[in-house]
Amino acid sequence: MKKNRKLLRNILIIAIAIYVVFVFVNQQQTLNEYSKNTEELNQQIAEEKANNEDLNQKKDDVNSLDFIEEMAREKLDMYYPNERVYIDQGM
C-alpha cells in the first residue's frame, strides 16, 4: 500500500515537472516570436518616419519657385522665351 502511494506520488511529481518544462518551452517560443515581431515593427516605424520626413520636405518645397519651375519644365514642357531646347531623338 505504501509502495503504491510512493509510486503514485513519484509519477505525479514527474508529470508535473514535464508539464512545467513544456509550458516553459512553449512560453519561450512565444516570447521569441514577439521579440522578432517587435524588431520588424520597429524597423517599419523607422522606415515610415523617414518616408514621412521626405513627404514633409516635399510639401514644403511645393510652394518654392524652383519646384514650380522644375515641374513646368518636366511635366508641362514649358520653357523661357528665346530658350533653346535640344531633344535627343536617338533613343
PDB file of N, CA and C in Angstrom:
ATOM      1  N   MET A   1       0.814  -1.188   0.000  1.00  0.00           N
ATOM      2  CA  MET A   1       0.000   0.000   0.000  1.00  0.00           C
ATOM      3  C   MET A   1       0.866   1.265   0.000  1.00  0.00           C
ATOM      4  N   LYS A   2       1.890   1.311   0.898  1.00  0.00           N
ATOM      5  CA  LYS A   2       2.765   2.462   0.943  1.00  0.00           C
ATOM      6  C   LYS A   2       3.584   2.556  -0.342  1.00  0.00           C
ATOM      7  N   LYS A   3       3.925   1.397  -0.879  1.00  0.00           N
ATOM      8  CA  LYS A   3       4.695   1.372  -2.120  1.00  0.00           C
ATOM      9  C   LYS A   3       3.885   1.979  -3.266  1.00  0.00           C
ATOM     10  N   ASN A   4       2.592   1.686  -3.310  1.00  0.00           N
ATOM     11  CA  ASN A   4       1.713   2.221  -4.348  1.00  0.00           C
ATOM     12  C   ASN A   4       1.588   3.746  -4.222  1.00  0.00           C
ATOM     13  N   ARG A   5       1.508   4.222  -2.998  1.00  0.00           N
ATOM     14  CA  ARG A   5       1.393   5.672  -2.778  1.00  0.00           C
ATOM     15  C   ARG A   5       2.674   6.385  -3.202  1.00  0.00           C
ATOM     16  N   LYS A   6       3.821   5.793  -2.852  1.00  0.00           N
ATOM     17  CA  LYS A   6       5.090   6.404  -3.251  1.00  0.00           C
ATOM     18  C   LYS A   6       5.235   6.404  -4.771  1.00  0.00           C
ATOM     19  N   LEU A   7       4.851   5.317  -5.395  1.00  0.00           N
ATOM     20  CA  LEU A   7       4.918   5.230  -6.856  1.00  0.00           C
ATOM     21  C   LEU A   7       3.982   6.254  -7.494  1.00  0.00           C
ATOM     22  N   LEU A   8       2.765   6.358  -6.977  1.00  0.00           N
ATOM     23  CA  LEU A   8       1.794   7.334  -7.491  1.00  0.00           C
ATOM     24  C   LEU A   8       2.297   8.759  -7.288  1.00  0.00           C
ATOM     25  N   ARG A   9       2.871   9.014  -6.115  1.00  0.00           N
ATOM     26  CA  ARG A   9       3.404  10.348  -5.842  1.00  0.00           C
ATOM     27  C   ARG A   9       4.560  10.666  -6.778  1.00  0.00           C
ATOM     28  N   ASN A  10       5.452   9.735  -7.018  1.00  0.00           N
ATOM     29  CA  ASN A  10       6.577   9.948  -7.928  1.00  0.00           C
ATOM     30  C   ASN A  10       6.097  10.188  -9.360  1.00  0.00           C
ATOM     31  N   ILE A  11       5.125   9.427  -9.791  1.00  0.00           N
ATOM     32  CA  ILE A  11       4.566   9.610 -11.139  1.00  0.00           C
ATOM     33  C   ILE A  11       3.924  10.995 -11.248  1.00  0.00           C
ATOM     34  N   LEU A  12       3.219  11.407 -10.209  1.00  0.00           N
ATOM     35  CA  LEU A  12       2.578  12.728 -10.206  1.00  0.00           C
ATOM     36  C   LEU A  12       3.622  13.839 -10.246  1.00  0.00           C
ATOM     37  N   ILE A  13       4.687  13.697  -9.495  1.00  0.00           N
ATOM     38  CA  ILE A  13       5.762  14.707  -9.494  1.00  0.00           C
ATOM     39  C   ILE A  13       6.425  14.781 -10.858  1.00  0.00           C
ATOM     40  N   ILE A  14       6.695  13.650 -11.467  1.00  0.00           N
ATOM     41  CA  ILE A  14       7.306  13.622 -12.806  1.00  0.00           C
ATOM     42  C   ILE A  14       6.367  14.252 -13.829  1.00  0.00           C
ATOM     43  N   ALA A  15       5.082  13.948 -13.743  1.00  0.00           N
ATOM     44  CA  ALA A  15       4.107  14.510 -14.681  1.00  0.00           C
ATOM     45  C   ALA A  15       4.042  16.041 -14.534  1.00  0.00           C
ATOM     46  N   ILE A  16       4.053  16.519 -13.307  1.00  0.00           N
ATOM     47  CA  ILE A  16       4.026  17.977 -13.079  1.00  0.00           C
ATOM     48  C   ILE A  16       5.311  18.617 -13.604  1.00  0.00           C
ATOM     49  N   ALA A  17       6.438  17.977 -13.394  1.00  0.00           N
ATOM     50  CA  ALA A  17       7.711  18.507 -13.888  1.00  0.00           C
ATOM     51  C   ALA A  17       7.722  18.572 -15.409  1.00  0.00           C
ATOM     52  N   ILE A  18       7.239  17.529 -16.054  1.00  0.00           N
ATOM     53  CA  ILE A  18       7.165  17.520 -17.520  1.00  0.00           C
ATOM     54  C   ILE A  18       6.237  18.626 -18.007  1.00  0.00           C
ATOM     55  N   TYR A  19       5.113  18.809 -17.339  1.00  0.00           N
ATOM     56  CA  TYR A  19       4.171  19.868 -17.713  1.00  0.00           C
ATOM     57  C   TYR A  19       4.816  21.239 -17.564  1.00  0.00           C
ATOM     58  N   VAL A  20       5.530  21.464 -16.475  1.00  0.00           N
ATOM     59  CA  VAL A  20       6.186  22.761 -16.245  1.00  0.00           C
ATOM     60  C   VAL A  20       7.229  23.030 -17.326  1.00  0.00           C
ATOM     61  N   VAL A  21       8.019  22.031 -17.672  1.00  0.00           N
ATOM     62  CA  VAL A  21       9.025  22.195 -18.719  1.00  0.00           C
ATOM     63  C   VAL A  21       8.350  22.490 -20.058  1.00  0.00           C
ATOM     64  N   PHE A  22       7.280  21.782 -20.370  1.00  0.00           N
ATOM     65  CA  PHE A  22       6.547  22.012 -21.619  1.00  0.00           C
ATOM     66  C   PHE A  22       6.008  23.434 -21.683  1.00  0.00           C
ATOM     67  N   VAL A  23       5.408  23.899 -20.602  1.00  0.00           N
ATOM     68  CA  VAL A  23       4.867  25.258 -20.564  1.00  0.00           C
ATOM     69  C   VAL A  23       5.987  26.282 -20.701  1.00  0.00           C
ATOM     70  N   PHE A  24       7.100  26.069 -20.032  1.00  0.00           N
ATOM     71  CA  PHE A  24       8.231  26.986 -20.111  1.00  0.00           C
ATOM     72  C   PHE A  24       8.770  27.091 -21.536  1.00  0.00           C
ATOM     73  N   VAL A  25       8.957  25.956 -22.195  1.00  0.00           N
ATOM     74  CA  VAL A  25       9.463  25.958 -23.575  1.00  0.00           C
ATOM     75  C   VAL A  25       8.470  26.652 -24.497  1.00  0.00           C
ATOM     76  N   ASN A  26       7.196  26.378 -24.334  1.00  0.00           N
ATOM     77  CA  ASN A  26       6.165  26.993 -25.164  1.00  0.00           C
ATOM     78  C   ASN A  26       6.141  28.512 -24.971  1.00  0.00           C
ATOM     79  N   GLN A  27       6.243  28.972 -23.745  1.00  0.00           N
ATOM     80  CA  GLN A  27       6.248  30.401 -23.479  1.00  0.00           C
ATOM     81  C   GLN A  27       7.503  31.065 -24.033  1.00  0.00           C
ATOM     82  N   GLN A  28       8.628  30.383 -23.983  1.00  0.00           N
ATOM     83  CA  GLN A  28       9.871  30.936 -24.519  1.00  0.00           C
ATOM     84  C   GLN A  28       9.760  31.109 -26.032  1.00  0.00           C
ATOM     85  N   GLN A  29       9.152  30.144 -26.717  1.00  0.00           N
ATOM     86  CA  GLN A  29       8.947  30.267 -28.161  1.00  0.00           C
ATOM     87  C   GLN A  29       8.037  31.453 -28.475  1.00  0.00           C
ATOM     88  N   THR A  30       6.998  31.627 -27.692  1.00  0.00           N
ATOM     89  CA  THR A  30       6.080  32.749 -27.900  1.00  0.00           C
ATOM     90  C   THR A  30       6.802  34.071 -27.680  1.00  0.00           C
ATOM     91  N   LEU A  31       7.620  34.151 -26.644  1.00  0.00           N
ATOM     92  CA  LEU A  31       8.382  35.373 -26.386  1.00  0.00           C
ATOM     93  C   LEU A  31       9.365  35.674 -27.512  1.00  0.00           C
ATOM     94  N   ASN A  32       9.987  34.647 -28.062  1.00  0.00           N
ATOM     95  CA  ASN A  32      10.903  34.849 -29.191  1.00  0.00           C
ATOM     96  C   ASN A  32      10.162  35.384 -30.405  1.00  0.00           C
ATOM     97  N   GLU A  33       8.974  34.868 -30.668  1.00  0.00           N
ATOM     98  CA  GLU A  33       8.161  35.375 -31.782  1.00  0.00           C
ATOM     99  C   GLU A  33       7.801  36.840 -31.566  1.00  0.00           C
ATOM    100  N   TYR A  34       7.403  37.183 -30.350  1.00  0.00           N
ATOM    101  CA  TYR A  34       7.044  38.564 -30.044  1.00  0.00           C
ATOM    102  C   TYR A  34       8.247  39.491 -30.189  1.00  0.00           C
ATOM    103  N   SER A  35       9.411  39.033 -29.782  1.00  0.00           N
ATOM    104  CA  SER A  35      10.623  39.844 -29.932  1.00  0.00           C
ATOM    105  C   SER A  35      10.935  40.082 -31.405  1.00  0.00           C
ATOM    106  N   LYS A  36      10.797  39.044 -32.198  1.00  0.00           N
ATOM    107  CA  LYS A  36      11.050  39.166 -33.639  1.00  0.00           C
ATOM    108  C   LYS A  36      10.050  40.134 -34.265  1.00  0.00           C
ATOM    109  N   ASN A  37       8.773  40.003 -33.898  1.00  0.00           N
ATOM    110  CA  ASN A  37       7.751  40.908 -34.426  1.00  0.00           C
ATOM    111  C   ASN A  37       8.015  42.342 -33.998  1.00  0.00           C
ATOM    112  N   THR A  38       8.482  42.533 -32.766  1.00  0.00           N
ATOM    113  CA  THR A  38       8.782  43.872 -32.276  1.00  0.00           C
ATOM    114  C   THR A  38       9.901  44.501 -33.092  1.00  0.00           C
ATOM    115  N   GLU A  39      10.937  43.724 -33.379  1.00  0.00           N
ATOM    116  CA  GLU A  39      12.043  44.244 -34.186  1.00  0.00           C
ATOM    117  C   GLU A  39      11.569  44.629 -35.583  1.00  0.00           C
ATOM    118  N   GLU A  40      10.748  43.791 -36.198  1.00  0.00           N
ATOM    119  CA  GLU A  40      10.237  44.093 -37.540  1.00  0.00           C
ATOM    120  C   GLU A  40       9.374  45.342 -37.517  1.00  0.00           C
ATOM    121  N   LEU A  41       8.525  45.470 -36.508  1.00  0.00           N
ATOM    122  CA  LEU A  41       7.654  46.641 -36.426  1.00  0.00           C
ATOM    123  C   LEU A  41       8.454  47.907 -36.152  1.00  0.00           C
ATOM    124  N   ASN A  42       9.508  47.820 -35.337  1.00  0.00           N
ATOM    125  CA  ASN A  42      10.353  48.984 -35.107  1.00  0.00           C
ATOM    126  C   ASN A  42      11.062  49.416 -36.381  1.00  0.00           C
ATOM    127  N   GLN A  43      11.464  48.445 -37.193  1.00  0.00           N
ATOM    128  CA  GLN A  43      12.092  48.756 -38.473  1.00  0.00           C
ATOM    129  C   GLN A  43      11.079  49.440 -39.404  1.00  0.00           C
ATOM    130  N   GLN A  44       9.856  48.942 -39.439  1.00  0.00           N
ATOM    131  CA  GLN A  44       8.817  49.564 -40.262  1.00  0.00           C
ATOM    132  C   GLN A  44       8.531  50.982 -39.787  1.00  0.00           C
ATOM    133  N   ILE A  45       8.517  51.183 -38.480  1.00  0.00           N
ATOM    134  CA  ILE A  45       8.271  52.519 -37.939  1.00  0.00           C
ATOM    135  C   ILE A  45       9.377  53.467 -38.381  1.00  0.00           C
ATOM    136  N   ALA A  46      10.619  53.019 -38.327  1.00  0.00           N
ATOM    137  CA  ALA A  46      11.744  53.859 -38.750  1.00  0.00           C
ATOM    138  C   ALA A  46      11.629  54.211 -40.233  1.00  0.00           C
ATOM    139  N   GLU A  47      11.254  53.230 -41.059  1.00  0.00           N
ATOM    140  CA  GLU A  47      11.092  53.482 -42.496  1.00  0.00           C
ATOM    141  C   GLU A  47       9.971  54.477 -42.753  1.00  0.00           C
ATOM    142  N   GLU A  48       8.874  54.323 -42.032  1.00  0.00           N
ATOM    143  CA  GLU A  48       7.740  55.231 -42.222  1.00  0.00           C
ATOM    144  C   GLU A  48       8.060  56.638 -41.732  1.00  0.00           C
ATOM    145  N   LYS A  49       8.861  56.752 -40.669  1.00  0.00           N
ATOM    146  CA  LYS A  49       9.270  58.073 -40.204  1.00  0.00           C
ATOM    147  C   LYS A  49      10.131  58.767 -41.250  1.00  0.00           C
ATOM    148  N   ALA A  50      11.044  58.010 -41.863  1.00  0.00           N
ATOM    149  CA  ALA A  50      11.878  58.576 -42.928  1.00  0.00           C
ATOM    150  C   ALA A  50      11.015  58.992 -44.116  1.00  0.00           C
ATOM    151  N   ASN A  51      10.048  58.155 -44.464  1.00  0.00           N
ATOM    152  CA  ASN A  51       9.131  58.485 -45.551  1.00  0.00           C
ATOM    153  C   ASN A  51       8.322  59.729 -45.220  1.00  0.00           C
ATOM    154  N   ASN A  52       7.893  59.831 -43.974  1.00  0.00           N
ATOM    155  CA  ASN A  52       7.126  60.990 -43.533  1.00  0.00           C
ATOM    156  C   ASN A  52       7.960  62.265 -43.624  1.00  0.00           C
ATOM    157  N   GLU A  53       9.234  62.188 -43.246  1.00  0.00           N
ATOM    158  CA  GLU A  53      10.120  63.347 -43.355  1.00  0.00           C
ATOM    159  C   GLU A  53      10.288  63.768 -44.808  1.00  0.00           C
ATOM    160  N   ASP A  54      10.441  62.776 -45.705  1.00  0.00           N
ATOM    161  CA  ASP A  54      10.559  63.093 -47.133  1.00  0.00           C
ATOM    162  C   ASP A  54       9.302  63.786 -47.643  1.00  0.00           C
ATOM    163  N   LEU A  55       8.148  63.283 -47.239  1.00  0.00           N
ATOM    164  CA  LEU A  55       6.889  63.890 -47.679  1.00  0.00           C
ATOM    165  C   LEU A  55       6.724  65.302 -47.125  1.00  0.00           C
ATOM    166  N   ASN A  56       7.125  65.504 -45.876  1.00  0.00           N
ATOM    167  CA  ASN A  56       7.050  66.852 -45.309  1.00  0.00           C
ATOM    168  C   ASN A  56       7.979  67.809 -46.043  1.00  0.00           C
ATOM    169  N   GLN A  57       9.170  67.320 -46.420  1.00  0.00           N
ATOM    170  CA  GLN A  57      10.102  68.159 -47.186  1.00  0.00           C
ATOM    171  C   GLN A  57       9.509  68.503 -48.548  1.00  0.00           C
ATOM    172  N   LYS A  58       8.900  67.512 -49.197  1.00  0.00           N
ATOM    173  CA  LYS A  58       8.262  67.782 -50.495  1.00  0.00           C
ATOM    174  C   LYS A  58       7.109  68.766 -50.344  1.00  0.00           C
ATOM    175  N   LYS A  59       6.360  68.640 -49.261  1.00  0.00           N
ATOM    176  CA  LYS A  59       5.245  69.558 -49.018  1.00  0.00           C
ATOM    177  C   LYS A  59       5.755  70.984 -48.870  1.00  0.00           C
ATOM    178  N   ASP A  60       6.888  71.139 -48.190  1.00  0.00           N
ATOM    179  CA  ASP A  60       7.467  72.466 -48.031  1.00  0.00           C
ATOM    180  C   ASP A  60       8.012  72.993 -49.354  1.00  0.00           C
ATOM    181  N   ASP A  61       8.532  72.097 -50.187  1.00  0.00           N
ATOM    182  CA  ASP A  61       9.128  72.513 -51.459  1.00  0.00           C
ATOM    183  C   ASP A  61       8.100  72.846 -52.535  1.00  0.00           C
ATOM    184  N   VAL A  62       6.880  72.393 -52.380  1.00  0.00           N
ATOM    185  CA  VAL A  62       5.862  72.580 -53.422  1.00  0.00           C
ATOM    186  C   VAL A  62       5.638  74.060 -53.720  1.00  0.00           C
ATOM    187  N   ASN A  63       5.724  74.900 -52.737  1.00  0.00           N
ATOM    188  CA  ASN A  63       5.461  76.326 -52.946  1.00  0.00           C
ATOM    189  C   ASN A  63       6.690  77.121 -53.348  1.00  0.00           C
ATOM    190  N   SER A  64       7.845  76.469 -53.465  1.00  0.00           N
ATOM    191  CA  SER A  64       9.049  77.203 -53.859  1.00  0.00           C
ATOM    192  C   SER A  64       9.054  77.418 -55.368  1.00  0.00           C
ATOM    193  N   LEU A  65       9.685  78.512 -55.784  1.00  0.00           N
ATOM    194  CA  LEU A  65       9.746  78.837 -57.214  1.00  0.00           C
ATOM    195  C   LEU A  65      10.578  77.816 -57.985  1.00  0.00           C
ATOM    196  N   ASP A  66      11.624  77.293 -57.363  1.00  0.00           N
ATOM    197  CA  ASP A  66      12.449  76.287 -58.047  1.00  0.00           C
ATOM    198  C   ASP A  66      11.639  75.037 -58.372  1.00  0.00           C
ATOM    199  N   PHE A  67      10.820  74.603 -57.443  1.00  0.00           N
ATOM    200  CA  PHE A  67      10.000  73.415 -57.667  1.00  0.00           C
ATOM    201  C   PHE A  67       8.972  73.675 -58.766  1.00  0.00           C
ATOM    202  N   ILE A  68       8.351  74.833 -58.721  1.00  0.00           N
ATOM    203  CA  ILE A  68       7.345  75.175 -59.743  1.00  0.00           C
ATOM    204  C   ILE A  68       7.992  75.216 -61.117  1.00  0.00           C
ATOM    205  N   GLU A  69       9.180  75.807 -61.200  1.00  0.00           N
ATOM    206  CA  GLU A  69       9.877  75.883 -62.484  1.00  0.00           C
ATOM    207  C   GLU A  69      10.255  74.485 -62.974  1.00  0.00           C
ATOM    208  N   GLU A  70      10.750  73.669 -62.083  1.00  0.00           N
ATOM    209  CA  GLU A  70      11.139  72.308 -62.447  1.00  0.00           C
ATOM    210  C   GLU A  70       9.944  71.503 -62.953  1.00  0.00           C
ATOM    211  N   MET A  71       8.816  71.591 -62.288  1.00  0.00           N
ATOM    212  CA  MET A  71       7.624  70.864 -62.715  1.00  0.00           C
ATOM    213  C   MET A  71       7.106  71.390 -64.052  1.00  0.00           C
ATOM    214  N   ALA A  72       7.169  72.712 -64.237  1.00  0.00           N
ATOM    215  CA  ALA A  72       6.724  73.281 -65.509  1.00  0.00           C
ATOM    216  C   ALA A  72       7.600  72.774 -66.647  1.00  0.00           C
ATOM    217  N   ARG A  73       8.884  72.654 -66.416  1.00  0.00           N
ATOM    218  CA  ARG A  73       9.784  72.160 -67.459  1.00  0.00           C
ATOM    219  C   ARG A  73       9.577  70.666 -67.711  1.00  0.00           C
ATOM    220  N   GLU A  74       9.492  69.889 -66.663  1.00  0.00           N
ATOM    221  CA  GLU A  74       9.422  68.437 -66.834  1.00  0.00           C
ATOM    222  C   GLU A  74       8.044  67.948 -67.259  1.00  0.00           C
ATOM    223  N   LYS A  75       7.023  68.396 -66.601  1.00  0.00           N
ATOM    224  CA  LYS A  75       5.682  67.847 -66.829  1.00  0.00           C
ATOM    225  C   LYS A  75       4.918  68.568 -67.939  1.00  0.00           C
ATOM    226  N   LEU A  76       5.122  69.874 -68.038  1.00  0.00           N
ATOM    227  CA  LEU A  76       4.322  70.653 -68.989  1.00  0.00           C
ATOM    228  C   LEU A  76       5.112  71.098 -70.213  1.00  0.00           C
ATOM    229  N   ASP A  77       6.383  70.755 -70.283  1.00  0.00           N
ATOM    230  CA  ASP A  77       7.257  71.155 -71.390  1.00  0.00           C
ATOM    231  C   ASP A  77       7.205  72.657 -71.629  1.00  0.00           C
ATOM    232  N   MET A  78       7.258  73.414 -70.569  1.00  0.00           N
ATOM    233  CA  MET A  78       7.268  74.877 -70.676  1.00  0.00           C
ATOM    234  C   MET A  78       8.709  75.362 -70.524  1.00  0.00           C
ATOM    235  N   TYR A  79       9.060  76.400 -71.312  1.00  0.00           N
ATOM    236  CA  TYR A  79      10.414  76.930 -71.272  1.00  0.00           C
ATOM    237  C   TYR A  79      10.339  78.442 -71.330  1.00  0.00           C
ATOM    238  N   TYR A  80      11.462  79.097 -71.000  1.00  0.00           N
ATOM    239  CA  TYR A  80      11.528  80.557 -71.089  1.00  0.00           C
ATOM    240  C   TYR A  80      11.524  80.983 -72.550  1.00  0.00           C
ATOM    241  N   PRO A  81      11.027  82.200 -72.822  1.00  0.00           N
ATOM    242  CA  PRO A  81      11.071  82.698 -74.202  1.00  0.00           C
ATOM    243  C   PRO A  81      12.529  82.790 -74.671  1.00  0.00           C
ATOM    244  N   ASN A  82      12.760  82.518 -75.919  1.00  0.00           N
ATOM    245  CA  ASN A  82      14.081  82.552 -76.557  1.00  0.00           C
ATOM    246  C   ASN A  82      15.056  81.545 -75.944  1.00  0.00           C
ATOM    247  N   GLU A  83      14.560  80.530 -75.288  1.00  0.00           N
ATOM    248  CA  GLU A  83      15.413  79.487 -74.727  1.00  0.00           C
ATOM    249  C   GLU A  83      15.477  78.343 -75.736  1.00  0.00           C
ATOM    250  N   ARG A  84      16.677  77.865 -75.993  1.00  0.00           N
ATOM    251  CA  ARG A  84      16.847  76.759 -76.929  1.00  0.00           C
ATOM    252  C   ARG A  84      16.778  75.445 -76.158  1.00  0.00           C
ATOM    253  N   VAL A  85      15.963  74.547 -76.692  1.00  0.00           N
ATOM    254  CA  VAL A  85      15.819  73.238 -76.077  1.00  0.00           C
ATOM    255  C   VAL A  85      16.230  72.199 -77.088  1.00  0.00           C
ATOM    256  N   TYR A  86      17.147  71.355 -76.694  1.00  0.00           N
ATOM    257  CA  TYR A  86      17.619  70.299 -77.571  1.00  0.00           C
ATOM    258  C   TYR A  86      17.038  68.969 -77.103  1.00  0.00           C
ATOM    259  N   ILE A  87      16.484  68.232 -78.059  1.00  0.00           N
ATOM    260  CA  ILE A  87      15.877  66.958 -77.757  1.00  0.00           C
ATOM    261  C   ILE A  87      16.663  65.876 -78.475  1.00  0.00           C
ATOM    262  N   ASP A  88      17.142  64.904 -77.742  1.00  0.00           N
ATOM    263  CA  ASP A  88      17.893  63.804 -78.307  1.00  0.00           C
ATOM    264  C   ASP A  88      16.900  62.755 -78.802  1.00  0.00           C
ATOM    265  N   GLN A  89      16.828  62.590 -80.123  1.00  0.00           N
ATOM    266  CA  GLN A  89      15.883  61.624 -80.687  1.00  0.00           C
ATOM    267  C   GLN A  89      16.549  60.298 -81.022  1.00  0.00           C
ATOM    268  N   GLY A  90      17.772  60.146 -80.602  1.00  0.00           N
ATOM    269  CA  GLY A  90      18.486  58.921 -80.868  1.00  0.00           C
ATOM    270  C   GLY A  90      18.060  57.786 -79.970  1.00  0.00           C
ATOM    271  N   MET A  91      17.266  58.030 -78.979  1.00  0.00           N
ATOM    272  CA  MET A  91      16.868  56.993 -78.037  1.00  0.00           C
ATOM    273  C   MET A  91      15.706  56.248 -78.550  1.00  0.00           C
TER     274      MET A  91
END
